[in-house]
Each structure stands twice: as C-alpha cells, then as structure tokens.
Amino acid sequence: MTEIACQTVDFLYEDNGGRPKDLVLPTLDDIKEDLAKFTIDRIRTGMTVVIKPDPNEGNKFSVRGMHYTYGLHGIVLAVDYSNELVQVETYLRQEGILVRYWYPLAVLETTDTPPDERC
C-alpha cells in the first residue's frame, strides 16, 4: 500500500523532474510509531485504559486511594483537555466498589482489552 502511495507521488512530480529531495514520505514504521503515541487528543469517553503506577507518586494529583487502582483497567468518563487530566472509573475487587479518580495522562495507557474482560 505504501508502495502505491510512493508511486502516485512520483507520478505527480514526473513532469517537474521528479520528486523534490526535501520531500520525504513517512514509512510504515513512522506511521506505527505515531499511532502508538498516547496524546490527550486520542482519549475518548468510554475507552478502556490501564492505570500505570505513577513515577511521581508525590505529584499534586495523587491521593492515597489512587494507589489501589494502579495496574487495573478502567473506563474513561471525562477528559479535561486543558489540564490533560482524565477521569477514570475502575472497580476495586477487594473492596467491592467502583471508584472514580482524575489521573494525569502520564499514568494511563490504552489497551485492546474489551470492557467486559477488564475485571
């Protein structure tokens, strides 16, 4: 598929002496790397995310109850784009309760696990 795209671009520049040297098309690896980046723009309500342990446990967003949610799957309920915070609801099996906390984007990652299999 990428070969077809490259051939199409080459054909478009054929009359002008070929593709300019400063025009670099992304490779398949570049596209995969870009899709793997986790940005606030890619977060949507209803997504399943994994809550990673916070590398800065003393940050201003962390409260003691959040430590029980590290490593668990959760559902995105709301997104604060300006502060890059995400409200995630997760189930604490030992307590038998649902909890909601606001997490910084740095402690979340996407997962392919469907919501029904997260517990």
PDB file of N, CA and C in Angstrom:
ATOM      1  N   MET A   1       0.816  -1.186   0.000  1.00  0.00           N
ATOM      2  CA  MET A   1       0.000   0.000   0.000  1.00  0.00           C
ATOM      3  C   MET A   1       0.868   1.261   0.000  1.00  0.00           C
ATOM      4  N   THR A   2       1.936   1.230   0.796  1.00  0.00           N
ATOM      5  CA  THR A   2       2.824   2.402   0.817  1.00  0.00           C
ATOM      6  C   THR A   2       3.553   2.558  -0.511  1.00  0.00           C
ATOM      7  N   GLU A   3       3.818   1.433  -1.189  1.00  0.00           N
ATOM      8  CA  GLU A   3       4.482   1.498  -2.489  1.00  0.00           C
ATOM      9  C   GLU A   3       3.594   2.198  -3.514  1.00  0.00           C
ATOM     10  N   ILE A   4       2.300   1.948  -3.438  1.00  0.00           N
ATOM     11  CA  ILE A   4       1.358   2.591  -4.353  1.00  0.00           C
ATOM     12  C   ILE A   4       1.333   4.093  -4.096  1.00  0.00           C
ATOM     13  N   ALA A   5       1.362   4.478  -2.821  1.00  0.00           N
ATOM     14  CA  ALA A   5       1.368   5.902  -2.470  1.00  0.00           C
ATOM     15  C   ALA A   5       2.638   6.570  -2.991  1.00  0.00           C
ATOM     16  N   CYS A   6       3.770   5.918  -2.839  1.00  0.00           N
ATOM     17  CA  CYS A   6       5.045   6.475  -3.329  1.00  0.00           C
ATOM     18  C   CYS A   6       5.028   6.606  -4.849  1.00  0.00           C
ATOM     19  N   GLN A   7       4.501   5.594  -5.537  1.00  0.00           N
ATOM     20  CA  GLN A   7       4.421   5.648  -6.992  1.00  0.00           C
ATOM     21  C   GLN A   7       3.495   6.777  -7.448  1.00  0.00           C
ATOM     22  N   THR A   8       2.404   6.988  -6.723  1.00  0.00           N
ATOM     23  CA  THR A   8       1.477   8.058  -7.070  1.00  0.00           C
ATOM     24  C   THR A   8       2.143   9.422  -6.935  1.00  0.00           C
ATOM     25  N   VAL A   9       2.884   9.622  -5.845  1.00  0.00           N
ATOM     26  CA  VAL A   9       3.584  10.897  -5.642  1.00  0.00           C
ATOM     27  C   VAL A   9       4.648  11.084  -6.718  1.00  0.00           C
ATOM     28  N   ASP A  10       5.380  10.020  -7.025  1.00  0.00           N
ATOM     29  CA  ASP A  10       6.396  10.110  -8.080  1.00  0.00           C
ATOM     30  C   ASP A  10       5.760  10.484  -9.420  1.00  0.00           C
ATOM     31  N   PHE A  11       4.595   9.909  -9.709  1.00  0.00           N
ATOM     32  CA  PHE A  11       3.896  10.217 -10.958  1.00  0.00           C
ATOM     33  C   PHE A  11       3.474  11.687 -10.999  1.00  0.00           C
ATOM     34  N   LEU A  12       3.033  12.226  -9.864  1.00  0.00           N
ATOM     35  CA  LEU A  12       2.595  13.627  -9.817  1.00  0.00           C
ATOM     36  C   LEU A  12       3.751  14.587 -10.097  1.00  0.00           C
ATOM     37  N   TYR A  13       4.950  14.220  -9.671  1.00  0.00           N
ATOM     38  CA  TYR A  13       6.128  15.084  -9.872  1.00  0.00           C
ATOM     39  C   TYR A  13       6.921  14.729 -11.123  1.00  0.00           C
ATOM     40  N   GLU A  14       6.431  13.781 -11.910  1.00  0.00           N
ATOM     41  CA  GLU A  14       7.164  13.310 -13.078  1.00  0.00           C
ATOM     42  C   GLU A  14       7.453  14.423 -14.092  1.00  0.00           C
ATOM     43  N   ASP A  15       6.485  15.301 -14.329  1.00  0.00           N
ATOM     44  CA  ASP A  15       6.652  16.373 -15.317  1.00  0.00           C
ATOM     45  C   ASP A  15       7.604  17.465 -14.842  1.00  0.00           C
ATOM     46  N   ASN A  16       7.842  17.551 -13.535  1.00  0.00           N
ATOM     47  CA  ASN A  16       8.692  18.600 -12.971  1.00  0.00           C
ATOM     48  C   ASN A  16      10.099  18.105 -12.646  1.00  0.00           C
ATOM     49  N   GLY A  17      10.498  16.981 -13.175  1.00  0.00           N
ATOM     50  CA  GLY A  17      11.847  16.494 -12.952  1.00  0.00           C
ATOM     51  C   GLY A  17      11.972  15.530 -11.790  1.00  0.00           C
ATOM     52  N   GLY A  18      10.876  15.009 -11.317  1.00  0.00           N
ATOM     53  CA  GLY A  18      10.930  14.039 -10.230  1.00  0.00           C
ATOM     54  C   GLY A  18      10.597  14.640  -8.874  1.00  0.00           C
ATOM     55  N   ARG A  19      10.503  13.780  -7.924  1.00  0.00           N
ATOM     56  CA  ARG A  19      10.161  14.203  -6.565  1.00  0.00           C
ATOM     57  C   ARG A  19      11.286  15.047  -5.973  1.00  0.00           C
ATOM     58  N   PRO A  20      10.934  16.184  -5.313  1.00  0.00           N
ATOM     59  CA  PRO A  20      11.979  17.000  -4.673  1.00  0.00           C
ATOM     60  C   PRO A  20      12.723  16.212  -3.594  1.00  0.00           C
ATOM     61  N   LYS A  21      13.992  16.500  -3.435  1.00  0.00           N
ATOM     62  CA  LYS A  21      14.817  15.770  -2.464  1.00  0.00           C
ATOM     63  C   LYS A  21      14.394  16.038  -1.028  1.00  0.00           C
ATOM     64  N   ASP A  22      13.791  17.203  -0.766  1.00  0.00           N
ATOM     65  CA  ASP A  22      13.383  17.521   0.600  1.00  0.00           C
ATOM     66  C   ASP A  22      11.994  16.968   0.943  1.00  0.00           C
ATOM     67  N   LEU A  23      11.331  16.333  -0.026  1.00  0.00           N
ATOM     68  CA  LEU A  23      10.032  15.711   0.230  1.00  0.00           C
ATOM     69  C   LEU A  23      10.262  14.272   0.668  1.00  0.00           C
ATOM     70  N   VAL A  24      10.041  14.024   1.936  1.00  0.00           N
ATOM     71  CA  VAL A  24      10.250  12.691   2.491  1.00  0.00           C
ATOM     72  C   VAL A  24       8.897  12.137   2.930  1.00  0.00           C
ATOM     73  N   LEU A  25       8.546  11.001   2.399  1.00  0.00           N
ATOM     74  CA  LEU A  25       7.280  10.360   2.768  1.00  0.00           C
ATOM     75  C   LEU A  25       7.495   9.479   4.000  1.00  0.00           C
ATOM     76  N   PRO A  26       6.503   9.422   4.883  1.00  0.00           N
ATOM     77  CA  PRO A  26       6.661   8.584   6.071  1.00  0.00           C
ATOM     78  C   PRO A  26       6.667   7.100   5.711  1.00  0.00           C
ATOM     79  N   THR A  27       7.459   6.357   6.444  1.00  0.00           N
ATOM     80  CA  THR A  27       7.492   4.913   6.246  1.00  0.00           C
ATOM     81  C   THR A  27       6.410   4.276   7.097  1.00  0.00           C
ATOM     82  N   LEU A  28       6.206   2.998   6.897  1.00  0.00           N
ATOM     83  CA  LEU A  28       5.209   2.273   7.676  1.00  0.00           C
ATOM     84  C   LEU A  28       5.567   2.301   9.162  1.00  0.00           C
ATOM     85  N   ASP A  29       6.860   2.218   9.478  1.00  0.00           N
ATOM     86  CA  ASP A  29       7.299   2.284  10.875  1.00  0.00           C
ATOM     87  C   ASP A  29       7.021   3.658  11.481  1.00  0.00           C
ATOM     88  N   ASP A  30       7.192   4.721  10.686  1.00  0.00           N
ATOM     89  CA  ASP A  30       6.876   6.072  11.175  1.00  0.00           C
ATOM     90  C   ASP A  30       5.398   6.207  11.506  1.00  0.00           C
ATOM     91  N   ILE A  31       4.556   5.634  10.670  1.00  0.00           N
ATOM     92  CA  ILE A  31       3.112   5.701  10.898  1.00  0.00           C
ATOM     93  C   ILE A  31       2.737   4.915  12.151  1.00  0.00           C
ATOM     94  N   LYS A  32       3.303   3.722  12.312  1.00  0.00           N
ATOM     95  CA  LYS A  32       3.021   2.910  13.504  1.00  0.00           C
ATOM     96  C   LYS A  32       3.488   3.617  14.774  1.00  0.00           C
ATOM     97  N   GLU A  33       4.649   4.254  14.717  1.00  0.00           N
ATOM     98  CA  GLU A  33       5.186   4.977  15.870  1.00  0.00           C
ATOM     99  C   GLU A  33       4.285   6.149  16.240  1.00  0.00           C
ATOM    100  N   ASP A  34       3.780   6.848  15.244  1.00  0.00           N
ATOM    101  CA  ASP A  34       2.893   7.981  15.502  1.00  0.00           C
ATOM    102  C   ASP A  34       1.573   7.519  16.118  1.00  0.00           C
ATOM    103  N   LEU A  35       1.062   6.397  15.647  1.00  0.00           N
ATOM    104  CA  LEU A  35      -0.193   5.875  16.202  1.00  0.00           C
ATOM    105  C   LEU A  35      -0.014   5.353  17.627  1.00  0.00           C
ATOM    106  N   ALA A  36       1.194   4.936  17.963  1.00  0.00           N
ATOM    107  CA  ALA A  36       1.452   4.410  19.298  1.00  0.00           C
ATOM    108  C   ALA A  36       1.566   5.509  20.347  1.00  0.00           C
ATOM    109  N   LYS A  37       1.788   6.749  19.910  1.00  0.00           N
ATOM    110  CA  LYS A  37       1.892   7.848  20.864  1.00  0.00           C
ATOM    111  C   LYS A  37       0.540   8.078  21.520  1.00  0.00           C
ATOM    112  N   PHE A  38       0.554   8.259  22.814  1.00  0.00           N
ATOM    113  CA  PHE A  38      -0.663   8.424  23.596  1.00  0.00           C
ATOM    114  C   PHE A  38      -0.804   9.897  23.938  1.00  0.00           C
ATOM    115  N   THR A  39      -1.717  10.577  23.260  1.00  0.00           N
ATOM    116  CA  THR A  39      -1.913  12.000  23.490  1.00  0.00           C
ATOM    117  C   THR A  39      -3.325  12.257  23.988  1.00  0.00           C
ATOM    118  N   ILE A  40      -3.527  13.414  24.579  1.00  0.00           N
ATOM    119  CA  ILE A  40      -4.830  13.766  25.140  1.00  0.00           C
ATOM    120  C   ILE A  40      -5.897  13.843  24.050  1.00  0.00           C
ATOM    121  N   ASP A  41      -5.494  14.140  22.825  1.00  0.00           N
ATOM    122  CA  ASP A  41      -6.452  14.235  21.719  1.00  0.00           C
ATOM    123  C   ASP A  41      -7.031  12.877  21.331  1.00  0.00           C
ATOM    124  N   ARG A  42      -6.349  11.814  21.679  1.00  0.00           N
ATOM    125  CA  ARG A  42      -6.814  10.469  21.312  1.00  0.00           C
ATOM    126  C   ARG A  42      -7.681   9.824  22.393  1.00  0.00           C
ATOM    127  N   ILE A  43      -7.841  10.491  23.515  1.00  0.00           N
ATOM    128  CA  ILE A  43      -8.666   9.949  24.598  1.00  0.00           C
ATOM    129  C   ILE A  43     -10.133  10.269  24.312  1.00  0.00           C
ATOM    130  N   ARG A  44     -10.988   9.274  24.437  1.00  0.00           N
ATOM    131  CA  ARG A  44     -12.422   9.446  24.252  1.00  0.00           C
ATOM    132  C   ARG A  44     -13.163   8.800  25.416  1.00  0.00           C
ATOM    133  N   THR A  45     -14.304   9.350  25.756  1.00  0.00           N
ATOM    134  CA  THR A  45     -15.105   8.741  26.819  1.00  0.00           C
ATOM    135  C   THR A  45     -15.525   7.345  26.375  1.00  0.00           C
ATOM    136  N   GLY A  46     -15.531   6.436  27.319  1.00  0.00           N
ATOM    137  CA  GLY A  46     -15.881   5.054  27.032  1.00  0.00           C
ATOM    138  C   GLY A  46     -14.696   4.167  26.698  1.00  0.00           C
ATOM    139  N   MET A  47     -13.520   4.752  26.503  1.00  0.00           N
ATOM    140  CA  MET A  47     -12.317   3.957  26.209  1.00  0.00           C
ATOM    141  C   MET A  47     -11.896   3.171  27.440  1.00  0.00           C
ATOM    142  N   THR A  48     -11.271   2.033  27.208  1.00  0.00           N
ATOM    143  CA  THR A  48     -10.676   1.267  28.292  1.00  0.00           C
ATOM    144  C   THR A  48      -9.199   1.629  28.369  1.00  0.00           C
ATOM    145  N   VAL A  49      -8.732   1.956  29.563  1.00  0.00           N
ATOM    146  CA  VAL A  49      -7.330   2.313  29.771  1.00  0.00           C
ATOM    147  C   VAL A  49      -6.771   1.507  30.932  1.00  0.00           C
ATOM    148  N   VAL A  50      -5.461   1.413  30.987  1.00  0.00           N
ATOM    149  CA  VAL A  50      -4.762   0.776  32.100  1.00  0.00           C
ATOM    150  C   VAL A  50      -4.109   1.883  32.918  1.00  0.00           C
ATOM    151  N   ILE A  51      -4.237   1.801  34.227  1.00  0.00           N
ATOM    152  CA  ILE A  51      -3.647   2.798  35.117  1.00  0.00           C
ATOM    153  C   ILE A  51      -2.284   2.272  35.555  1.00  0.00           C
ATOM    154  N   LYS A  52      -1.219   2.934  35.083  1.00  0.00           N
ATOM    155  CA  LYS A  52       0.142   2.528  35.415  1.00  0.00           C
ATOM    156  C   LYS A  52       0.537   3.127  36.761  1.00  0.00           C
ATOM    157  N   PRO A  53       1.461   2.501  37.467  1.00  0.00           N
ATOM    158  CA  PRO A  53       1.982   3.137  38.686  1.00  0.00           C
ATOM    159  C   PRO A  53       2.591   4.489  38.351  1.00  0.00           C
ATOM    160  N   ASP A  54       2.317   5.472  39.188  1.00  0.00           N
ATOM    161  CA  ASP A  54       2.766   6.838  38.959  1.00  0.00           C
ATOM    162  C   ASP A  54       4.249   6.966  39.274  1.00  0.00           C
ATOM    163  N   PRO A  55       5.084   7.387  38.302  1.00  0.00           N
ATOM    164  CA  PRO A  55       6.505   7.561  38.594  1.00  0.00           C
ATOM    165  C   PRO A  55       6.763   8.703  39.575  1.00  0.00           C
ATOM    166  N   ASN A  56       5.872   9.668  39.638  1.00  0.00           N
ATOM    167  CA  ASN A  56       5.992  10.802  40.567  1.00  0.00           C
ATOM    168  C   ASN A  56       4.905  10.675  41.626  1.00  0.00           C
ATOM    169  N   GLU A  57       5.042   9.718  42.523  1.00  0.00           N
ATOM    170  CA  GLU A  57       3.969   9.441  43.469  1.00  0.00           C
ATOM    171  C   GLU A  57       3.628  10.624  44.354  1.00  0.00           C
ATOM    172  N   GLY A  58       4.473  11.597  44.445  1.00  0.00           N
ATOM    173  CA  GLY A  58       4.189  12.759  45.262  1.00  0.00           C
ATOM    174  C   GLY A  58       3.585  13.904  44.472  1.00  0.00           C
ATOM    175  N   ASN A  59       3.016  13.606  43.293  1.00  0.00           N
ATOM    176  CA  ASN A  59       2.506  14.722  42.488  1.00  0.00           C
ATOM    177  C   ASN A  59       1.230  15.292  43.101  1.00  0.00           C
ATOM    178  N   LYS A  60       0.801  16.418  42.592  1.00  0.00           N
ATOM    179  CA  LYS A  60      -0.329  17.121  43.186  1.00  0.00           C
ATOM    180  C   LYS A  60      -1.673  16.472  42.881  1.00  0.00           C
ATOM    181  N   PHE A  61      -1.704  15.481  42.000  1.00  0.00           N
ATOM    182  CA  PHE A  61      -2.959  14.830  41.669  1.00  0.00           C
ATOM    183  C   PHE A  61      -3.210  13.557  42.471  1.00  0.00           C
ATOM    184  N   SER A  62      -2.199  13.038  43.104  1.00  0.00           N
ATOM    185  CA  SER A  62      -2.286  11.733  43.746  1.00  0.00           C
ATOM    186  C   SER A  62      -2.857  11.818  45.158  1.00  0.00           C
ATOM    187  N   VAL A  63      -3.798  10.910  45.440  1.00  0.00           N
ATOM    188  CA  VAL A  63      -4.322  10.727  46.791  1.00  0.00           C
ATOM    189  C   VAL A  63      -4.117   9.266  47.161  1.00  0.00           C
ATOM    190  N   ARG A  64      -4.231   8.968  48.424  1.00  0.00           N
ATOM    191  CA  ARG A  64      -3.906   7.621  48.895  1.00  0.00           C
ATOM    192  C   ARG A  64      -4.755   6.534  48.238  1.00  0.00           C
ATOM    193  N   GLY A  65      -6.020   6.800  48.014  1.00  0.00           N
ATOM    194  CA  GLY A  65      -6.898   5.797  47.418  1.00  0.00           C
ATOM    195  C   GLY A  65      -6.548   5.435  45.987  1.00  0.00           C
ATOM    196  N   MET A  66      -5.839   6.317  45.309  1.00  0.00           N
ATOM    197  CA  MET A  66      -5.460   6.049  43.926  1.00  0.00           C
ATOM    198  C   MET A  66      -4.444   4.915  43.823  1.00  0.00           C
ATOM    199  N   HIS A  67      -3.678   4.693  44.869  1.00  0.00           N
ATOM    200  CA  HIS A  67      -2.643   3.655  44.830  1.00  0.00           C
ATOM    201  C   HIS A  67      -3.238   2.263  44.646  1.00  0.00           C
ATOM    202  N   TYR A  68      -4.482   2.061  45.084  1.00  0.00           N
ATOM    203  CA  TYR A  68      -5.130   0.764  44.927  1.00  0.00           C
ATOM    204  C   TYR A  68      -5.553   0.493  43.491  1.00  0.00           C
ATOM    205  N   THR A  69      -5.602   1.531  42.672  1.00  0.00           N
ATOM    206  CA  THR A  69      -6.056   1.368  41.291  1.00  0.00           C
ATOM    207  C   THR A  69      -4.924   1.118  40.309  1.00  0.00           C
ATOM    208  N   TYR A  70      -3.681   1.278  40.743  1.00  0.00           N
ATOM    209  CA  TYR A  70      -2.554   1.086  39.827  1.00  0.00           C
ATOM    210  C   TYR A  70      -2.521  -0.347  39.304  1.00  0.00           C
ATOM    211  N   GLY A  71      -2.377  -0.482  38.009  1.00  0.00           N
ATOM    212  CA  GLY A  71      -2.344  -1.796  37.374  1.00  0.00           C
ATOM    213  C   GLY A  71      -3.706  -2.301  36.946  1.00  0.00           C
ATOM    214  N   LEU A  72      -4.767  -1.588  37.287  1.00  0.00           N
ATOM    215  CA  LEU A  72      -6.120  -2.023  36.940  1.00  0.00           C
ATOM    216  C   LEU A  72      -6.590  -1.356  35.650  1.00  0.00           C
ATOM    217  N   HIS A  73      -7.615  -1.969  35.048  1.00  0.00           N
ATOM    218  CA  HIS A  73      -8.264  -1.384  33.878  1.00  0.00           C
ATOM    219  C   HIS A  73      -9.382  -0.477  34.355  1.00  0.00           C
ATOM    220  N   GLY A  74      -9.652   0.554  33.573  1.00  0.00           N
ATOM    221  CA  GLY A  74     -10.740   1.457  33.900  1.00  0.00           C
ATOM    222  C   GLY A  74     -11.368   2.022  32.644  1.00  0.00           C
ATOM    223  N   ILE A  75     -12.530   2.660  32.835  1.00  0.00           N
ATOM    224  CA  ILE A  75     -13.262   3.269  31.739  1.00  0.00           C
ATOM    225  C   ILE A  75     -13.152   4.790  31.850  1.00  0.00           C
ATOM    226  N   VAL A  76     -12.861   5.452  30.755  1.00  0.00           N
ATOM    227  CA  VAL A  76     -12.765   6.913  30.739  1.00  0.00           C
ATOM    228  C   VAL A  76     -14.166   7.501  30.816  1.00  0.00           C
ATOM    229  N   LEU A  77     -14.380   8.361  31.822  1.00  0.00           N
ATOM    230  CA  LEU A  77     -15.673   9.018  31.994  1.00  0.00           C
ATOM    231  C   LEU A  77     -15.669  10.447  31.484  1.00  0.00           C
ATOM    232  N   ALA A  78     -14.558  11.156  31.673  1.00  0.00           N
ATOM    233  CA  ALA A  78     -14.469  12.559  31.256  1.00  0.00           C
ATOM    234  C   ALA A  78     -13.014  12.899  30.966  1.00  0.00           C
ATOM    235  N   VAL A  79     -12.829  13.941  30.160  1.00  0.00           N
ATOM    236  CA  VAL A  79     -11.483  14.383  29.797  1.00  0.00           C
ATOM    237  C   VAL A  79     -11.416  15.897  29.979  1.00  0.00           C
ATOM    238  N   ASP A  80     -10.392  16.345  30.712  1.00  0.00           N
ATOM    239  CA  ASP A  80     -10.110  17.777  30.864  1.00  0.00           C
ATOM    240  C   ASP A  80      -8.919  18.074  29.953  1.00  0.00           C
ATOM    241  N   TYR A  81      -9.220  18.554  28.744  1.00  0.00           N
ATOM    242  CA  TYR A  81      -8.181  18.754  27.737  1.00  0.00           C
ATOM    243  C   TYR A  81      -7.189  19.846  28.126  1.00  0.00           C
ATOM    244  N   SER A  82      -7.647  20.882  28.789  1.00  0.00           N
ATOM    245  CA  SER A  82      -6.753  21.993  29.106  1.00  0.00           C
ATOM    246  C   SER A  82      -5.701  21.611  30.151  1.00  0.00           C
ATOM    247  N   ASN A  83      -6.059  20.757  31.102  1.00  0.00           N
ATOM    248  CA  ASN A  83      -5.116  20.332  32.143  1.00  0.00           C
ATOM    249  C   ASN A  83      -4.533  18.945  31.898  1.00  0.00           C
ATOM    250  N   GLU A  84      -4.929  18.310  30.789  1.00  0.00           N
ATOM    251  CA  GLU A  84      -4.509  16.946  30.442  1.00  0.00           C
ATOM    252  C   GLU A  84      -4.774  15.966  31.579  1.00  0.00           C
ATOM    253  N   LEU A  85      -6.000  16.005  32.080  1.00  0.00           N
ATOM    254  CA  LEU A  85      -6.449  15.087  33.121  1.00  0.00           C
ATOM    255  C   LEU A  85      -7.588  14.238  32.572  1.00  0.00           C
ATOM    256  N   VAL A  86      -7.663  12.987  33.048  1.00  0.00           N
ATOM    257  CA  VAL A  86      -8.675  12.059  32.580  1.00  0.00           C
ATOM    258  C   VAL A  86      -9.356  11.439  33.799  1.00  0.00           C
ATOM    259  N   GLN A  87     -10.689  11.496  33.836  1.00  0.00           N
ATOM    260  CA  GLN A  87     -11.427  10.858  34.926  1.00  0.00           C
ATOM    261  C   GLN A  87     -11.696   9.411  34.529  1.00  0.00           C
ATOM    262  N   VAL A  88     -11.234   8.495  35.367  1.00  0.00           N
ATOM    263  CA  VAL A  88     -11.343   7.068  35.085  1.00  0.00           C
ATOM    264  C   VAL A  88     -12.096   6.394  36.226  1.00  0.00           C
ATOM    265  N   GLU A  89     -13.034   5.519  35.854  1.00  0.00           N
ATOM    266  CA  GLU A  89     -13.777   4.732  36.831  1.00  0.00           C
ATOM    267  C   GLU A  89     -13.261   3.301  36.763  1.00  0.00           C
ATOM    268  N   THR A  90     -12.953   2.741  37.905  1.00  0.00           N
ATOM    269  CA  THR A  90     -12.453   1.372  37.950  1.00  0.00           C
ATOM    270  C   THR A  90     -13.075   0.648  39.138  1.00  0.00           C
ATOM    271  N   TYR A  91     -13.068  -0.665  39.069  1.00  0.00           N
ATOM    272  CA  TYR A  91     -13.667  -1.496  40.101  1.00  0.00           C
ATOM    273  C   TYR A  91     -12.581  -2.071  40.991  1.00  0.00           C
ATOM    274  N   LEU A  92     -12.705  -1.831  42.297  1.00  0.00           N
ATOM    275  CA  LEU A  92     -11.788  -2.426  43.269  1.00  0.00           C
ATOM    276  C   LEU A  92     -12.414  -3.713  43.778  1.00  0.00           C
ATOM    277  N   ARG A  93     -11.897  -4.812  43.307  1.00  0.00           N
ATOM    278  CA  ARG A  93     -12.495  -6.114  43.606  1.00  0.00           C
ATOM    279  C   ARG A  93     -12.449  -6.435  45.105  1.00  0.00           C
ATOM    280  N   GLN A  94     -11.331  -6.118  45.792  1.00  0.00           N
ATOM    281  CA  GLN A  94     -11.213  -6.433  47.219  1.00  0.00           C
ATOM    282  C   GLN A  94     -12.258  -5.674  48.043  1.00  0.00           C
ATOM    283  N   GLU A  95     -12.538  -4.435  47.631  1.00  0.00           N
ATOM    284  CA  GLU A  95     -13.483  -3.593  48.366  1.00  0.00           C
ATOM    285  C   GLU A  95     -14.912  -3.787  47.864  1.00  0.00           C
ATOM    286  N   GLY A  96     -15.048  -4.231  46.627  1.00  0.00           N
ATOM    287  CA  GLY A  96     -16.375  -4.400  46.050  1.00  0.00           C
ATOM    288  C   GLY A  96     -17.029  -3.070  45.688  1.00  0.00           C
ATOM    289  N   ILE A  97     -16.210  -2.080  45.287  1.00  0.00           N
ATOM    290  CA  ILE A  97     -16.757  -0.758  44.972  1.00  0.00           C
ATOM    291  C   ILE A  97     -16.173  -0.219  43.672  1.00  0.00           C
ATOM    292  N   LEU A  98     -16.926   0.689  43.069  1.00  0.00           N
ATOM    293  CA  LEU A  98     -16.433   1.440  41.923  1.00  0.00           C
ATOM    294  C   LEU A  98     -15.875   2.753  42.431  1.00  0.00           C
ATOM    295  N   VAL A  99     -14.714   3.146  41.921  1.00  0.00           N
ATOM    296  CA  VAL A  99     -14.120   4.420  42.312  1.00  0.00           C
ATOM    297  C   VAL A  99     -13.814   5.228  41.065  1.00  0.00           C
ATOM    298  N   ARG A 100     -13.848   6.558  41.233  1.00  0.00           N
ATOM    299  CA  ARG A 100     -13.527   7.478  40.144  1.00  0.00           C
ATOM    300  C   ARG A 100     -12.447   8.425  40.624  1.00  0.00           C
ATOM    301  N   TYR A 101     -11.406   8.555  39.826  1.00  0.00           N
ATOM    302  CA  TYR A 101     -10.337   9.497  40.130  1.00  0.00           C
ATOM    303  C   TYR A 101      -9.913  10.196  38.849  1.00  0.00           C
ATOM    304  N   TRP A 102      -9.350  11.387  39.011  1.00  0.00           N
ATOM    305  CA  TRP A 102      -8.748  12.121  37.904  1.00  0.00           C
ATOM    306  C   TRP A 102      -7.265  11.766  37.873  1.00  0.00           C
ATOM    307  N   TYR A 103      -6.800  11.320  36.708  1.00  0.00           N
ATOM    308  CA  TYR A 103      -5.405  10.917  36.540  1.00  0.00           C
ATOM    309  C   TYR A 103      -4.733  11.808  35.505  1.00  0.00           C
ATOM    310  N   PRO A 104      -3.439  12.098  35.706  1.00  0.00           N
ATOM    311  CA  PRO A 104      -2.695  12.764  34.631  1.00  0.00           C
ATOM    312  C   PRO A 104      -2.471  11.777  33.489  1.00  0.00           C
ATOM    313  N   LEU A 105      -2.340  12.289  32.309  1.00  0.00           N
ATOM    314  CA  LEU A 105      -2.182  11.450  31.121  1.00  0.00           C
ATOM    315  C   LEU A 105      -0.977  10.522  31.221  1.00  0.00           C
ATOM    316  N   ALA A 106       0.058  10.939  31.933  1.00  0.00           N
ATOM    317  CA  ALA A 106       1.306  10.166  32.016  1.00  0.00           C
ATOM    318  C   ALA A 106       1.119   8.803  32.679  1.00  0.00           C
ATOM    319  N   VAL A 107       0.089   8.619  33.500  1.00  0.00           N
ATOM    320  CA  VAL A 107      -0.086   7.341  34.198  1.00  0.00           C
ATOM    321  C   VAL A 107      -1.113   6.443  33.520  1.00  0.00           C
ATOM    322  N   LEU A 108      -1.554   6.798  32.321  1.00  0.00           N
ATOM    323  CA  LEU A 108      -2.533   5.985  31.601  1.00  0.00           C
ATOM    324  C   LEU A 108      -1.938   5.461  30.306  1.00  0.00           C
ATOM    325  N   GLU A 109      -2.432   4.305  29.887  1.00  0.00           N
ATOM    326  CA  GLU A 109      -2.073   3.783  28.572  1.00  0.00           C
ATOM    327  C   GLU A 109      -3.279   3.047  28.007  1.00  0.00           C
ATOM    328  N   THR A 110      -3.364   3.003  26.695  1.00  0.00           N
ATOM    329  CA  THR A 110      -4.502   2.343  26.062  1.00  0.00           C
ATOM    330  C   THR A 110      -4.329   0.831  26.136  1.00  0.00           C
ATOM    331  N   THR A 111      -5.423   0.147  25.965  1.00  0.00           N
ATOM    332  CA  THR A 111      -5.395  -1.309  25.967  1.00  0.00           C
ATOM    333  C   THR A 111      -6.371  -1.803  24.919  1.00  0.00           C
ATOM    334  N   ASP A 112      -6.115  -3.001  24.410  1.00  0.00           N
ATOM    335  CA  ASP A 112      -7.014  -3.603  23.428  1.00  0.00           C
ATOM    336  C   ASP A 112      -8.050  -4.496  24.093  1.00  0.00           C
ATOM    337  N   THR A 113      -7.982  -4.619  25.418  1.00  0.00           N
ATOM    338  CA  THR A 113      -8.912  -5.462  26.149  1.00  0.00           C
ATOM    339  C   THR A 113     -10.304  -4.851  26.115  1.00  0.00           C
ATOM    340  N   PRO A 114     -11.319  -5.586  25.688  1.00  0.00           N
ATOM    341  CA  PRO A 114     -12.677  -5.042  25.699  1.00  0.00           C
ATOM    342  C   PRO A 114     -13.133  -4.775  27.142  1.00  0.00           C
ATOM    343  N   PRO A 115     -14.082  -3.836  27.326  1.00  0.00           N
ATOM    344  CA  PRO A 115     -14.524  -3.503  28.679  1.00  0.00           C
ATOM    345  C   PRO A 115     -15.073  -4.693  29.474  1.00  0.00           C
ATOM    346  N   ASP A 116     -15.682  -5.677  28.806  1.00  0.00           N
ATOM    347  CA  ASP A 116     -16.262  -6.815  29.524  1.00  0.00           C
ATOM    348  C   ASP A 116     -15.224  -7.720  30.144  1.00  0.00           C
ATOM    349  N   GLU A 117     -13.970  -7.682  29.659  1.00  0.00           N
ATOM    350  CA  GLU A 117     -12.928  -8.572  30.140  1.00  0.00           C
ATOM    351  C   GLU A 117     -11.941  -7.876  31.074  1.00  0.00           C
ATOM    352  N   ARG A 118     -12.240  -6.671  31.528  1.00  0.00           N
ATOM    353  CA  ARG A 118     -11.260  -5.890  32.292  1.00  0.00           C
ATOM    354  C   ARG A 118     -11.172  -6.290  33.751  1.00  0.00           C
ATOM    355  N   CYS A 119     -12.145  -6.980  34.299  1.00  0.00           N
ATOM    356  CA  CYS A 119     -12.147  -7.300  35.736  1.00  0.00           C
ATOM    357  C   CYS A 119     -11.392  -8.573  36.040  1.00  0.00           C
TER     358      CYS A 119
END
